[in-house]
C-alpha cells in the first residue's frame, strides 16, 4: 500500500526521520562547534547542556538532492522518542483527525426485562487509553441501558489483533497473546 502524502507532510517526515536517526553533519564539528551550524542552534544546545558529539542533524528540502545543514552524517544514533513523531504523523494522515478508538459490546440476544440471556462479548480494537477503570464506565453504560443481569459468560474477544494460528508471531511465543490478554495481565491457555 502506498500513501500519498502532501509536500509539507513529506518534508516533516523526512526532517523528523533524519533528526531522530541523527544521520547528520555539516562536514564536521570543530572545538568551537559545528561548521555552518547556526549560532541560535549552538546557543540552544549550550543552554540545554547537549554535546554536539551526541547529536546528529540532517535538514534537506524534499525537492533537493543536497542537504541544507548536516552534522555527523555517518554516525548512528538511537532515535528515541523522535520516531513517535513519524508514527503520529502517519496515523493522523491515515486515520484522520476525527478518528476515535472503539470498544464494542455484543450479546447473544437482545435484553428482555433487563436480562441478557446468553453471553456478553467485549471486543477491544486497540484503544491505548482503555484502562480497567474504563471497564466500570462500560458497566455503568450497560446499566443506563437497563441491563442488570447477564445469564451467560463475559467473553473477551481477542480477534481484532489475532495473528491467526499459522502466524510466525504466534508460533514464536508458543501461545496466542492478544491486546485483551496483555491488558489484564492474562495469557489464556485455552479459548475463552
N, C-alpha and C. Protein backbone atom coordinates (compact mmCIF):
# COMPACT_ATOMS: atom_id res chain seq x y z
N UNK A 1 0.84 -1.16 0.00
CA UNK A 1 0.00 0.00 0.00
C UNK A 1 0.89 1.23 0.00
N UNK A 2 0.61 2.18 -0.84
CA UNK A 2 1.36 3.42 -0.91
C UNK A 2 0.51 4.55 -0.36
N UNK A 3 1.15 5.42 0.41
CA UNK A 3 0.46 6.58 0.93
C UNK A 3 0.82 7.78 0.08
N UNK A 4 -0.16 8.59 -0.23
CA UNK A 4 0.10 9.83 -0.96
C UNK A 4 0.11 10.93 0.09
N UNK A 5 1.27 11.49 0.34
CA UNK A 5 1.43 12.49 1.38
C UNK A 5 1.65 13.86 0.76
N UNK A 6 1.17 14.88 1.44
CA UNK A 6 1.38 16.24 0.97
C UNK A 6 2.86 16.59 1.05
N UNK A 7 3.26 17.61 0.31
CA UNK A 7 4.66 18.03 0.29
C UNK A 7 5.11 18.42 1.70
N UNK A 8 4.27 19.15 2.42
CA UNK A 8 4.62 19.58 3.78
C UNK A 8 4.79 18.37 4.69
N UNK A 9 3.90 17.39 4.57
CA UNK A 9 3.98 16.19 5.39
C UNK A 9 5.23 15.39 5.06
N UNK A 10 5.56 15.28 3.77
CA UNK A 10 6.78 14.57 3.38
C UNK A 10 8.01 15.25 3.97
N UNK A 11 8.04 16.58 3.93
CA UNK A 11 9.18 17.32 4.48
C UNK A 11 9.28 17.06 5.98
N UNK A 12 8.14 17.13 6.68
CA UNK A 12 8.13 16.90 8.12
C UNK A 12 8.63 15.50 8.45
N UNK A 13 8.12 14.50 7.74
CA UNK A 13 8.55 13.13 7.99
C UNK A 13 10.04 12.95 7.73
N UNK A 14 10.51 13.51 6.63
CA UNK A 14 11.93 13.40 6.31
C UNK A 14 12.78 14.08 7.37
N UNK A 15 12.39 15.28 7.78
CA UNK A 15 13.14 16.00 8.80
C UNK A 15 13.11 15.25 10.13
N UNK A 16 11.92 14.76 10.53
CA UNK A 16 11.82 14.03 11.79
C UNK A 16 12.65 12.76 11.75
N UNK A 17 12.61 12.07 10.62
CA UNK A 17 13.37 10.83 10.49
C UNK A 17 14.87 11.10 10.64
N UNK A 18 15.35 12.07 9.91
CA UNK A 18 16.79 12.33 9.96
C UNK A 18 17.22 12.98 11.26
N UNK A 19 16.37 13.79 11.86
CA UNK A 19 16.73 14.35 13.16
C UNK A 19 16.77 13.24 14.20
N UNK A 20 15.84 12.30 14.10
CA UNK A 20 15.79 11.20 15.05
C UNK A 20 16.94 10.23 14.89
N UNK A 21 17.25 9.87 13.69
CA UNK A 21 18.32 8.91 13.44
C UNK A 21 19.67 9.57 13.65
N UNK A 22 19.70 10.85 13.43
CA UNK A 22 20.94 11.54 13.64
C UNK A 22 21.89 11.40 12.48
N UNK A 23 21.38 11.09 11.31
CA UNK A 23 22.23 11.00 10.13
C UNK A 23 22.57 12.40 9.71
N UNK A 24 23.47 13.04 10.38
CA UNK A 24 23.66 14.44 10.08
C UNK A 24 25.07 14.91 10.27
N UNK A 25 25.39 16.03 9.57
CA UNK A 25 26.67 16.69 9.80
C UNK A 25 26.82 17.88 8.91
N UNK A 26 27.39 18.90 9.37
CA UNK A 26 27.77 19.98 8.47
C UNK A 26 29.27 19.82 8.35
N UNK A 27 29.69 18.89 7.63
CA UNK A 27 31.07 18.45 7.47
C UNK A 27 31.55 17.84 8.77
N UNK A 28 31.99 18.63 9.74
CA UNK A 28 32.47 18.05 10.99
C UNK A 28 32.36 19.08 12.09
N UNK A 29 32.47 18.61 13.30
CA UNK A 29 32.42 19.53 14.43
C UNK A 29 33.83 20.01 14.75
N UNK A 30 33.94 21.27 15.06
CA UNK A 30 35.23 21.80 15.49
C UNK A 30 35.16 21.98 16.99
N UNK A 31 36.24 22.39 17.60
CA UNK A 31 36.25 22.59 19.04
C UNK A 31 35.22 23.64 19.46
N UNK A 32 35.03 24.64 18.64
CA UNK A 32 34.09 25.71 18.97
C UNK A 32 32.65 25.32 18.65
N UNK A 33 32.44 24.36 17.79
CA UNK A 33 31.10 23.97 17.39
C UNK A 33 31.13 23.42 15.99
N UNK A 34 29.96 23.19 15.41
CA UNK A 34 29.88 22.62 14.08
C UNK A 34 30.04 23.71 13.04
N UNK A 35 30.79 23.41 12.01
CA UNK A 35 30.98 24.36 10.91
C UNK A 35 29.64 24.59 10.24
N UNK A 36 29.23 25.84 10.09
CA UNK A 36 27.99 26.16 9.42
C UNK A 36 26.75 26.01 10.27
N UNK A 37 26.91 25.59 11.51
CA UNK A 37 25.76 25.45 12.40
C UNK A 37 25.28 26.85 12.80
N UNK A 38 24.00 27.14 12.65
CA UNK A 38 23.50 28.46 13.02
C UNK A 38 23.80 28.76 14.49
N UNK A 39 24.21 29.98 14.80
CA UNK A 39 24.53 30.34 16.19
C UNK A 39 23.37 30.09 17.14
N UNK A 40 22.14 30.30 16.69
CA UNK A 40 20.98 30.08 17.56
C UNK A 40 20.87 28.61 17.97
N UNK A 41 21.21 27.71 17.05
CA UNK A 41 21.19 26.27 17.37
C UNK A 41 22.28 25.96 18.39
N UNK A 42 23.48 26.49 18.16
CA UNK A 42 24.59 26.26 19.10
C UNK A 42 24.24 26.80 20.49
N UNK A 43 23.62 27.97 20.54
CA UNK A 43 23.24 28.57 21.83
C UNK A 43 22.20 27.71 22.54
N UNK A 44 21.22 27.21 21.80
CA UNK A 44 20.19 26.35 22.38
C UNK A 44 20.80 25.06 22.92
N UNK A 45 21.69 24.47 22.16
CA UNK A 45 22.37 23.25 22.61
C UNK A 45 23.15 23.51 23.89
N UNK A 46 23.82 24.65 23.94
CA UNK A 46 24.61 25.01 25.12
C UNK A 46 23.70 25.17 26.33
N UNK A 47 22.57 25.87 26.16
CA UNK A 47 21.62 26.08 27.26
C UNK A 47 21.06 24.75 27.77
N UNK A 48 20.84 23.82 26.85
CA UNK A 48 20.28 22.52 27.22
C UNK A 48 21.35 21.54 27.67
N UNK A 49 22.61 21.98 27.67
CA UNK A 49 23.75 21.16 28.07
C UNK A 49 23.85 19.89 27.23
N UNK A 50 23.65 20.06 25.92
CA UNK A 50 23.76 18.95 24.98
C UNK A 50 25.09 19.05 24.24
N UNK A 51 25.75 17.94 24.10
CA UNK A 51 27.03 17.89 23.40
C UNK A 51 26.78 17.65 21.91
N UNK A 52 27.54 18.34 21.08
CA UNK A 52 27.43 18.13 19.63
C UNK A 52 27.80 16.71 19.24
N UNK A 53 28.63 16.07 20.04
CA UNK A 53 29.03 14.70 19.70
C UNK A 53 27.90 13.70 19.93
N UNK A 54 26.88 14.11 20.68
CA UNK A 54 25.73 13.23 20.95
C UNK A 54 24.54 13.55 20.06
N UNK A 55 24.77 14.33 19.02
CA UNK A 55 23.66 14.85 18.24
C UNK A 55 23.95 14.73 16.75
N UNK A 56 22.97 14.32 16.01
CA UNK A 56 23.08 14.30 14.56
C UNK A 56 21.97 15.12 13.95
N UNK A 57 22.29 15.83 12.89
CA UNK A 57 21.30 16.69 12.24
C UNK A 57 21.40 16.52 10.73
N UNK A 58 20.25 16.49 10.09
CA UNK A 58 20.18 16.47 8.63
C UNK A 58 18.92 17.22 8.23
N UNK A 59 19.09 18.33 7.57
CA UNK A 59 17.94 19.11 7.10
C UNK A 59 18.07 19.23 5.59
N UNK A 60 17.02 18.81 4.90
CA UNK A 60 17.05 18.80 3.44
C UNK A 60 15.65 19.07 2.90
N UNK A 61 15.57 19.89 1.90
CA UNK A 61 14.28 20.13 1.23
C UNK A 61 13.89 18.87 0.46
N UNK A 62 12.62 18.58 0.42
CA UNK A 62 12.14 17.37 -0.25
C UNK A 62 12.48 17.38 -1.74
N UNK A 63 12.47 18.55 -2.34
CA UNK A 63 12.72 18.62 -3.78
C UNK A 63 14.19 18.86 -4.13
N UNK A 64 15.08 18.58 -3.20
CA UNK A 64 16.51 18.80 -3.43
C UNK A 64 17.28 17.52 -3.14
N UNK A 65 18.44 17.38 -3.79
CA UNK A 65 19.31 16.24 -3.52
C UNK A 65 20.41 16.58 -2.53
N UNK A 66 20.52 17.85 -2.16
CA UNK A 66 21.59 18.28 -1.28
C UNK A 66 21.01 18.77 0.05
N UNK A 67 21.65 18.40 1.15
CA UNK A 67 21.18 18.87 2.45
C UNK A 67 21.49 20.35 2.65
N UNK A 68 20.62 21.00 3.40
CA UNK A 68 20.85 22.40 3.77
C UNK A 68 21.80 22.49 4.96
N UNK A 69 21.71 21.51 5.85
CA UNK A 69 22.52 21.50 7.06
C UNK A 69 22.71 20.07 7.50
N UNK A 70 23.93 19.70 7.84
CA UNK A 70 24.19 18.36 8.36
C UNK A 70 25.24 18.43 9.46
N UNK A 71 25.19 17.46 10.34
CA UNK A 71 26.18 17.33 11.40
C UNK A 71 26.29 15.85 11.74
N UNK A 72 27.47 15.28 11.63
CA UNK A 72 27.73 13.85 11.88
C UNK A 72 26.85 12.94 11.03
N UNK A 73 26.97 13.03 9.72
CA UNK A 73 26.06 12.28 8.84
C UNK A 73 26.26 10.77 8.85
N UNK A 74 27.42 10.30 9.22
CA UNK A 74 27.69 8.86 9.15
C UNK A 74 27.60 8.17 10.50
N UNK A 75 27.31 8.92 11.55
CA UNK A 75 27.20 8.31 12.88
C UNK A 75 25.79 7.75 13.08
N UNK A 76 25.71 6.70 13.88
CA UNK A 76 24.41 6.09 14.20
C UNK A 76 23.98 6.55 15.58
N UNK A 77 22.70 6.84 15.72
CA UNK A 77 22.14 7.29 16.98
C UNK A 77 20.85 6.52 17.26
N UNK A 78 20.52 6.41 18.55
CA UNK A 78 19.24 5.84 18.94
C UNK A 78 18.16 6.88 18.66
N UNK A 79 17.15 6.56 17.87
CA UNK A 79 16.14 7.56 17.51
C UNK A 79 15.27 8.00 18.68
N UNK A 80 15.20 7.21 19.73
CA UNK A 80 14.43 7.55 20.93
C UNK A 80 13.01 7.98 20.59
N UNK A 81 12.53 8.97 21.29
CA UNK A 81 11.12 9.37 21.17
C UNK A 81 10.80 10.10 19.88
N UNK A 82 11.80 10.55 19.16
CA UNK A 82 11.53 11.30 17.93
C UNK A 82 10.77 10.43 16.93
N UNK A 83 11.00 9.13 16.93
CA UNK A 83 10.31 8.25 15.99
C UNK A 83 8.80 8.23 16.24
N UNK A 84 8.38 8.59 17.45
CA UNK A 84 6.95 8.68 17.73
C UNK A 84 6.30 9.75 16.86
N UNK A 85 7.07 10.77 16.51
CA UNK A 85 6.54 11.82 15.63
C UNK A 85 6.16 11.25 14.27
N UNK A 86 7.02 10.40 13.74
CA UNK A 86 6.74 9.78 12.44
C UNK A 86 5.47 8.95 12.53
N UNK A 87 5.38 8.12 13.56
CA UNK A 87 4.20 7.29 13.75
C UNK A 87 2.95 8.15 13.90
N UNK A 88 3.05 9.21 14.68
CA UNK A 88 1.90 10.09 14.91
C UNK A 88 1.44 10.77 13.63
N UNK A 89 2.38 11.26 12.84
CA UNK A 89 2.02 11.95 11.60
C UNK A 89 1.35 10.99 10.63
N UNK A 90 1.89 9.79 10.49
CA UNK A 90 1.28 8.81 9.59
C UNK A 90 -0.10 8.41 10.11
N UNK A 91 -0.24 8.22 11.43
CA UNK A 91 -1.54 7.87 12.00
C UNK A 91 -2.57 8.97 11.72
N UNK A 92 -2.18 10.22 11.91
CA UNK A 92 -3.10 11.32 11.62
C UNK A 92 -3.45 11.38 10.15
N UNK A 93 -2.46 11.12 9.29
CA UNK A 93 -2.71 11.17 7.85
C UNK A 93 -3.62 10.03 7.40
N UNK A 94 -3.40 8.84 7.94
CA UNK A 94 -4.18 7.66 7.53
C UNK A 94 -5.55 7.63 8.22
N UNK A 95 -5.57 7.85 9.54
CA UNK A 95 -6.81 7.72 10.30
C UNK A 95 -7.64 9.00 10.29
N UNK A 96 -7.00 10.14 10.14
CA UNK A 96 -7.71 11.41 10.16
C UNK A 96 -7.78 11.99 11.56
N UNK A 97 -8.08 13.27 11.63
CA UNK A 97 -8.09 13.95 12.92
C UNK A 97 -9.33 13.64 13.76
N UNK A 98 -10.36 13.09 13.16
CA UNK A 98 -11.58 12.78 13.90
C UNK A 98 -11.69 11.32 14.31
N UNK A 99 -10.62 10.55 14.12
CA UNK A 99 -10.65 9.13 14.46
C UNK A 99 -10.86 8.94 15.96
N UNK A 100 -11.67 7.95 16.31
CA UNK A 100 -11.88 7.60 17.71
C UNK A 100 -11.73 6.09 17.86
N UNK A 101 -11.04 5.68 18.93
CA UNK A 101 -10.91 4.26 19.24
C UNK A 101 -12.26 3.75 19.71
N UNK A 102 -12.54 2.48 19.46
CA UNK A 102 -13.81 1.91 19.91
C UNK A 102 -13.57 0.63 20.70
N UNK A 103 -14.43 0.42 21.66
CA UNK A 103 -14.52 -0.84 22.38
C UNK A 103 -15.98 -1.23 22.26
N UNK A 104 -16.23 -2.33 21.60
CA UNK A 104 -17.61 -2.72 21.29
C UNK A 104 -18.11 -3.79 22.27
N UNK A 105 -19.42 -3.76 22.50
CA UNK A 105 -20.07 -4.75 23.36
C UNK A 105 -21.17 -5.42 22.54
N UNK A 106 -21.16 -6.74 22.54
CA UNK A 106 -22.16 -7.53 21.82
C UNK A 106 -22.79 -8.53 22.79
N UNK A 107 -23.95 -9.03 22.43
CA UNK A 107 -24.62 -10.06 23.23
C UNK A 107 -25.22 -11.10 22.30
N UNK A 108 -25.44 -12.30 22.85
CA UNK A 108 -26.07 -13.36 22.06
C UNK A 108 -27.51 -13.02 21.70
N UNK A 109 -28.16 -12.23 22.56
CA UNK A 109 -29.56 -11.88 22.32
C UNK A 109 -29.84 -10.50 22.92
N UNK A 110 -30.90 -9.87 22.43
CA UNK A 110 -31.31 -8.59 22.99
C UNK A 110 -31.80 -8.81 24.42
N UNK A 111 -31.63 -7.82 25.29
CA UNK A 111 -32.10 -8.00 26.66
C UNK A 111 -33.63 -8.05 26.73
N UNK A 112 -34.11 -8.86 27.64
CA UNK A 112 -35.55 -8.96 27.91
C UNK A 112 -35.74 -8.62 29.38
N UNK A 113 -36.48 -7.55 29.65
CA UNK A 113 -36.69 -7.08 31.02
C UNK A 113 -35.37 -6.89 31.77
N UNK A 114 -34.37 -6.34 31.08
CA UNK A 114 -33.08 -6.04 31.70
C UNK A 114 -32.14 -7.22 31.82
N UNK A 115 -32.51 -8.36 31.24
CA UNK A 115 -31.67 -9.56 31.35
C UNK A 115 -31.20 -9.98 29.96
N UNK A 116 -29.88 -10.14 29.82
CA UNK A 116 -29.31 -10.68 28.58
C UNK A 116 -29.20 -12.18 28.79
N UNK A 117 -29.97 -12.94 28.00
CA UNK A 117 -29.91 -14.41 28.09
C UNK A 117 -28.85 -14.88 27.11
N UNK A 118 -27.69 -15.24 27.64
CA UNK A 118 -26.56 -15.65 26.82
C UNK A 118 -25.32 -14.87 27.22
N UNK A 119 -24.32 -14.95 26.37
CA UNK A 119 -23.03 -14.33 26.65
C UNK A 119 -23.00 -12.85 26.31
N UNK A 120 -22.11 -12.13 26.99
CA UNK A 120 -21.83 -10.74 26.69
C UNK A 120 -20.38 -10.68 26.21
N UNK A 121 -20.16 -10.06 25.07
CA UNK A 121 -18.83 -10.03 24.44
C UNK A 121 -18.27 -8.61 24.48
N UNK A 122 -17.03 -8.47 24.90
CA UNK A 122 -16.33 -7.18 24.83
C UNK A 122 -15.22 -7.34 23.80
N UNK A 123 -15.28 -6.49 22.78
CA UNK A 123 -14.29 -6.55 21.71
C UNK A 123 -13.51 -5.24 21.69
N UNK A 124 -12.27 -5.31 22.14
CA UNK A 124 -11.39 -4.15 22.10
C UNK A 124 -10.76 -4.03 20.73
N UNK A 125 -10.58 -2.79 20.29
CA UNK A 125 -9.99 -2.56 18.97
C UNK A 125 -8.74 -1.70 19.04
N UNK A 126 -7.97 -1.88 20.12
CA UNK A 126 -6.67 -1.25 20.21
C UNK A 126 -6.60 0.07 20.93
N UNK A 127 -7.65 0.46 21.64
CA UNK A 127 -7.63 1.74 22.34
C UNK A 127 -6.49 1.75 23.37
N UNK A 128 -5.45 2.56 23.13
CA UNK A 128 -4.31 2.56 24.05
C UNK A 128 -4.64 3.23 25.38
N UNK A 129 -5.75 3.94 25.45
CA UNK A 129 -6.11 4.65 26.67
C UNK A 129 -7.12 3.89 27.51
N UNK A 130 -7.59 2.75 27.04
CA UNK A 130 -8.60 1.98 27.78
C UNK A 130 -7.94 1.34 29.00
N UNK A 131 -8.46 1.67 30.18
CA UNK A 131 -7.91 1.17 31.43
C UNK A 131 -8.97 0.36 32.16
N UNK A 132 -8.55 -0.30 33.22
CA UNK A 132 -9.52 -1.09 33.98
C UNK A 132 -10.62 -0.20 34.55
N UNK A 133 -10.29 1.06 34.86
CA UNK A 133 -11.30 1.99 35.35
C UNK A 133 -12.39 2.22 34.30
N UNK A 134 -12.01 2.16 33.03
CA UNK A 134 -12.98 2.36 31.96
C UNK A 134 -13.98 1.21 31.88
N UNK A 135 -13.58 0.06 32.41
CA UNK A 135 -14.49 -1.08 32.45
C UNK A 135 -15.70 -0.76 33.32
N UNK A 136 -15.45 -0.04 34.43
CA UNK A 136 -16.56 0.36 35.30
C UNK A 136 -17.50 1.31 34.57
N UNK A 137 -16.95 2.19 33.75
CA UNK A 137 -17.78 3.10 32.96
C UNK A 137 -18.62 2.30 31.96
N UNK A 138 -18.03 1.26 31.40
CA UNK A 138 -18.76 0.39 30.47
C UNK A 138 -19.93 -0.30 31.19
N UNK A 139 -19.68 -0.76 32.41
CA UNK A 139 -20.75 -1.40 33.20
C UNK A 139 -21.85 -0.38 33.50
N UNK A 140 -21.48 0.86 33.82
CA UNK A 140 -22.46 1.91 34.08
C UNK A 140 -23.31 2.18 32.84
N UNK A 141 -22.66 2.20 31.67
CA UNK A 141 -23.39 2.43 30.43
C UNK A 141 -24.41 1.32 30.17
N UNK A 142 -24.01 0.08 30.46
CA UNK A 142 -24.95 -1.05 30.30
C UNK A 142 -26.11 -0.89 31.27
N UNK A 143 -25.81 -0.48 32.50
CA UNK A 143 -26.86 -0.26 33.49
C UNK A 143 -27.80 0.86 33.06
N UNK A 144 -27.23 1.93 32.49
CA UNK A 144 -28.05 3.04 31.99
C UNK A 144 -28.99 2.58 30.87
N UNK A 145 -28.58 1.54 30.14
CA UNK A 145 -29.43 0.98 29.08
C UNK A 145 -30.49 0.04 29.65
N UNK A 146 -30.46 -0.17 30.97
CA UNK A 146 -31.45 -1.03 31.61
C UNK A 146 -31.01 -2.47 31.78
N UNK A 147 -29.77 -2.78 31.44
CA UNK A 147 -29.27 -4.16 31.57
C UNK A 147 -28.72 -4.33 32.98
N UNK A 148 -29.29 -5.29 33.74
CA UNK A 148 -28.82 -5.51 35.10
C UNK A 148 -28.40 -6.96 35.36
N UNK A 149 -28.53 -7.81 34.34
CA UNK A 149 -28.11 -9.21 34.53
C UNK A 149 -27.72 -9.83 33.19
N UNK A 150 -26.68 -10.67 33.25
CA UNK A 150 -26.24 -11.45 32.09
C UNK A 150 -26.19 -12.90 32.56
N UNK A 151 -26.95 -13.77 31.89
CA UNK A 151 -27.01 -15.17 32.34
C UNK A 151 -25.83 -16.00 31.85
N UNK A 152 -25.17 -15.54 30.81
CA UNK A 152 -24.04 -16.29 30.24
C UNK A 152 -22.71 -15.83 30.79
N UNK A 153 -21.70 -15.98 29.97
CA UNK A 153 -20.33 -15.63 30.35
C UNK A 153 -19.95 -14.26 29.80
N UNK A 154 -18.94 -13.67 30.41
CA UNK A 154 -18.30 -12.47 29.87
C UNK A 154 -17.17 -12.97 28.99
N UNK A 155 -17.24 -12.66 27.70
CA UNK A 155 -16.26 -13.15 26.73
C UNK A 155 -15.43 -11.97 26.24
N UNK A 156 -14.12 -12.05 26.43
CA UNK A 156 -13.21 -11.03 25.93
C UNK A 156 -12.78 -11.45 24.53
N UNK A 157 -13.20 -10.70 23.54
CA UNK A 157 -12.95 -11.04 22.14
C UNK A 157 -11.56 -10.58 21.73
N UNK A 158 -10.68 -11.54 21.44
CA UNK A 158 -9.29 -11.28 21.07
C UNK A 158 -9.08 -11.14 19.57
N UNK A 159 -10.11 -11.20 18.78
CA UNK A 159 -9.94 -11.40 17.34
C UNK A 159 -9.41 -10.19 16.57
N UNK A 160 -9.54 -8.98 17.08
CA UNK A 160 -9.16 -7.80 16.29
C UNK A 160 -7.67 -7.82 15.92
N UNK A 161 -6.82 -8.23 16.86
CA UNK A 161 -5.38 -8.27 16.60
C UNK A 161 -4.85 -9.70 16.50
N UNK A 162 -5.73 -10.65 16.34
CA UNK A 162 -5.32 -12.05 16.29
C UNK A 162 -4.51 -12.33 15.04
N UNK A 163 -3.24 -12.75 15.19
CA UNK A 163 -2.43 -13.03 14.01
C UNK A 163 -2.81 -14.34 13.33
N UNK A 164 -3.64 -15.15 13.98
CA UNK A 164 -4.03 -16.44 13.40
C UNK A 164 -3.09 -17.54 13.87
N UNK A 165 -3.55 -18.77 13.83
CA UNK A 165 -2.76 -19.88 14.36
C UNK A 165 -1.50 -20.18 13.55
N UNK A 166 -1.45 -19.79 12.29
CA UNK A 166 -0.28 -20.08 11.46
C UNK A 166 0.72 -18.93 11.42
N UNK A 167 0.49 -17.91 12.22
CA UNK A 167 1.37 -16.75 12.24
C UNK A 167 2.70 -17.09 12.90
N UNK A 168 3.78 -16.53 12.37
CA UNK A 168 5.09 -16.76 12.97
C UNK A 168 5.15 -16.14 14.36
N UNK A 169 4.39 -15.05 14.60
CA UNK A 169 4.36 -14.44 15.93
C UNK A 169 3.76 -15.41 16.94
N UNK A 170 2.65 -16.04 16.57
CA UNK A 170 2.01 -16.98 17.47
C UNK A 170 2.92 -18.18 17.73
N UNK A 171 3.58 -18.67 16.69
CA UNK A 171 4.48 -19.82 16.86
C UNK A 171 5.67 -19.45 17.73
N UNK A 172 6.21 -18.26 17.55
CA UNK A 172 7.39 -17.86 18.31
C UNK A 172 7.08 -17.75 19.80
N UNK A 173 5.88 -17.32 20.14
CA UNK A 173 5.52 -17.17 21.53
C UNK A 173 5.04 -18.47 22.15
N UNK A 174 4.68 -19.43 21.33
CA UNK A 174 4.19 -20.70 21.85
C UNK A 174 2.74 -20.63 22.29
N UNK A 175 2.17 -19.46 22.23
CA UNK A 175 0.76 -19.28 22.59
C UNK A 175 0.28 -18.00 21.93
N UNK A 176 -1.00 -17.82 21.89
CA UNK A 176 -1.56 -16.62 21.28
C UNK A 176 -1.77 -15.56 22.36
N UNK A 177 -1.21 -14.42 22.14
CA UNK A 177 -1.36 -13.31 23.08
C UNK A 177 -2.05 -12.18 22.34
N UNK A 178 -3.02 -11.59 22.99
CA UNK A 178 -3.76 -10.50 22.36
C UNK A 178 -3.66 -9.24 23.20
N UNK A 179 -4.18 -8.15 22.65
CA UNK A 179 -4.23 -6.89 23.39
C UNK A 179 -5.06 -7.08 24.66
N UNK A 180 -6.16 -7.80 24.56
CA UNK A 180 -7.02 -8.01 25.72
C UNK A 180 -6.27 -8.78 26.80
N UNK A 181 -5.60 -9.86 26.44
CA UNK A 181 -4.90 -10.66 27.44
C UNK A 181 -3.73 -9.89 28.04
N UNK A 182 -3.06 -9.11 27.25
CA UNK A 182 -1.94 -8.31 27.76
C UNK A 182 -2.45 -7.22 28.69
N UNK A 183 -3.62 -6.65 28.35
CA UNK A 183 -4.18 -5.56 29.14
C UNK A 183 -4.48 -6.02 30.56
N UNK A 184 -5.09 -7.16 30.70
CA UNK A 184 -5.44 -7.65 32.02
C UNK A 184 -4.36 -8.54 32.63
N UNK A 185 -3.22 -8.65 31.99
CA UNK A 185 -2.13 -9.45 32.52
C UNK A 185 -2.41 -10.94 32.44
N UNK A 186 -3.25 -11.34 31.51
CA UNK A 186 -3.61 -12.75 31.36
C UNK A 186 -2.98 -13.32 30.11
N UNK A 187 -2.60 -14.56 30.17
CA UNK A 187 -2.19 -15.28 28.97
C UNK A 187 -3.06 -16.52 28.91
N UNK A 188 -4.13 -16.46 28.11
CA UNK A 188 -5.04 -17.61 28.08
C UNK A 188 -4.37 -18.86 27.53
N UNK A 189 -4.62 -19.98 28.17
CA UNK A 189 -4.08 -21.24 27.69
C UNK A 189 -5.13 -22.02 26.91
N UNK A 190 -6.34 -21.53 26.89
CA UNK A 190 -7.41 -22.13 26.10
C UNK A 190 -8.35 -21.02 25.65
N UNK A 191 -9.13 -21.24 24.63
CA UNK A 191 -10.06 -20.20 24.18
C UNK A 191 -11.03 -19.82 25.29
N UNK A 192 -11.38 -18.55 25.34
CA UNK A 192 -12.32 -18.09 26.37
C UNK A 192 -13.72 -18.57 26.07
